[in-house]
Structures are given as structure tokens and as C-alpha cells.
């Protein structure tokens, strides 16, 4: 969830190994290049990170690049991506 409220609809690993991005659907997206603190929860797991809004599409959502992600949260993200990939 985000301070404005939202749903994460995608998490993916980009070309560089530690560059994670997320797409969030929210009715009140932040402006492009804004720095944000992100907290995402799934079942009993939580990921917290600092990020930068890289793209904003009104009524669709915003893309967030994580710029400060602790290793324990990175491991949770990797598990989430792996679990989603296996379920498809």
C-alpha cells in the first residue's frame, strides 16, 4: 500500500540485478520523480523501500523504481516474483 492507498499490480526485475520496479494502481498517483517510501504487504510478509516515481499514467497507475532496498526485503521481493512466475 501507499500513503495515498493503492494496489501493486506488477513487480519485475529489470536488466540490472538489483533494479526492482513496481507498478501501482492508485486514484491519486504522485508526480514523476517524487521520492516515496513504499510499504507492500502480501499475506504475512512485508517489504519496505525508498523509491522514485518514474512514470505516471492517470487512471492507470505509476511506476516506482526502488532506490534503497534492504537485502531482507530484496529476498522477499525475489520470492514473490518467483511464486508469481511459477503460478502462470
Protein backbone atom coordinates (compact mmCIF):
# COMPACT_ATOMS: atom_id res chain seq x y z
CA UNK A 1 0.00 0.00 0.00
CA UNK A 2 0.99 3.59 -0.49
CA UNK A 3 0.29 6.70 1.56
CA UNK A 4 -2.42 7.52 -0.95
CA UNK A 5 -3.70 3.94 -0.99
CA UNK A 6 -3.22 1.63 -3.91
CA UNK A 7 -2.71 -1.87 -5.19
CA UNK A 8 0.56 -3.20 -6.57
CA UNK A 9 -0.30 -4.86 -9.86
CA UNK A 10 3.18 -5.87 -11.02
CA UNK A 11 6.69 -6.35 -9.69
CA UNK A 12 9.55 -7.14 -12.02
CA UNK A 13 13.31 -7.38 -12.21
CA UNK A 14 14.85 -5.16 -14.86
CA UNK A 15 18.15 -5.77 -16.67
CA UNK A 16 20.44 -4.89 -13.76
CA UNK A 17 20.28 -7.49 -10.96
CA UNK A 18 19.30 -5.14 -8.15
CA UNK A 19 16.95 -2.81 -10.02
CA UNK A 20 13.42 -3.68 -8.97
CA UNK A 21 10.36 -1.85 -10.16
CA UNK A 22 6.72 -1.98 -9.24
CA UNK A 23 3.53 -0.77 -10.88
CA UNK A 24 0.95 0.62 -8.50
CA UNK A 25 -2.66 1.35 -9.33
CA UNK A 26 -3.95 4.29 -7.32
CA UNK A 27 -6.54 7.02 -7.75
CA UNK A 28 -4.05 9.64 -6.51
CA UNK A 29 -0.61 8.97 -8.01
CA UNK A 30 2.42 11.02 -7.05
CA UNK A 31 4.18 13.26 -9.55
CA UNK A 32 7.03 11.93 -11.69
CA UNK A 33 10.45 11.93 -9.97
CA UNK A 34 8.92 12.21 -6.49
CA UNK A 35 10.70 10.18 -3.81
CA UNK A 36 8.41 7.88 -1.88
CA UNK A 37 8.54 5.39 0.97
CA UNK A 38 6.82 2.20 -0.14
CA UNK A 39 5.34 -0.49 2.09
CA UNK A 40 3.90 -3.57 0.39
CA UNK A 41 2.30 -6.49 2.16
CA UNK A 42 1.35 -9.94 0.90
CA UNK A 43 -0.08 -12.45 3.34
CA UNK A 44 2.21 -12.18 6.40
CA UNK A 45 5.20 -10.70 4.53
CA UNK A 46 6.16 -7.05 4.26
CA UNK A 47 8.57 -5.12 2.03
CA UNK A 48 9.64 -1.56 2.76
CA UNK A 49 11.78 0.55 0.47
CA UNK A 50 12.55 4.04 -0.73
CA UNK A 51 11.64 4.65 -4.33
CA UNK A 52 11.32 7.18 -7.12
CA UNK A 53 8.23 7.60 -9.27
CA UNK A 54 9.50 7.02 -12.82
CA UNK A 55 6.26 7.10 -14.81
CA UNK A 56 2.72 8.32 -14.12
CA UNK A 57 -0.31 7.37 -16.18
CA UNK A 58 -3.54 8.99 -14.94
CA UNK A 59 -6.29 6.47 -14.10
CA UNK A 60 -3.82 3.63 -14.80
CA UNK A 61 -1.12 3.96 -12.17
CA UNK A 62 2.51 4.79 -11.63
CA UNK A 63 5.84 3.03 -11.96
CA UNK A 64 8.18 3.06 -8.99
CA UNK A 65 11.89 2.25 -9.06
CA UNK A 66 13.24 1.12 -5.70
CA UNK A 67 16.42 3.04 -4.86
CA UNK A 68 17.04 1.85 -1.31
CA UNK A 69 16.05 -1.72 -0.59
CA UNK A 70 17.48 -3.71 2.31
CA UNK A 71 18.69 -7.21 1.48
CA UNK A 72 15.98 -8.85 3.61
CA UNK A 73 13.29 -7.02 1.65
CA UNK A 74 15.01 -7.83 -1.64
CA UNK A 75 14.82 -11.53 -0.76
CA UNK A 76 11.08 -11.23 -0.09
CA UNK A 77 10.61 -9.50 -3.47
CA UNK A 78 12.58 -12.24 -5.21
CA UNK A 79 10.34 -14.89 -3.61
CA UNK A 80 7.19 -13.02 -4.66
CA UNK A 81 8.39 -12.78 -8.28
CA UNK A 82 9.35 -16.46 -8.26
CA UNK A 83 5.97 -17.51 -6.81
CA UNK A 84 4.03 -15.48 -9.38
CA UNK A 85 6.18 -16.82 -12.23
CA UNK A 86 5.53 -20.42 -11.15
CA UNK A 87 1.77 -19.87 -10.92
CA UNK A 88 1.47 -18.73 -14.54
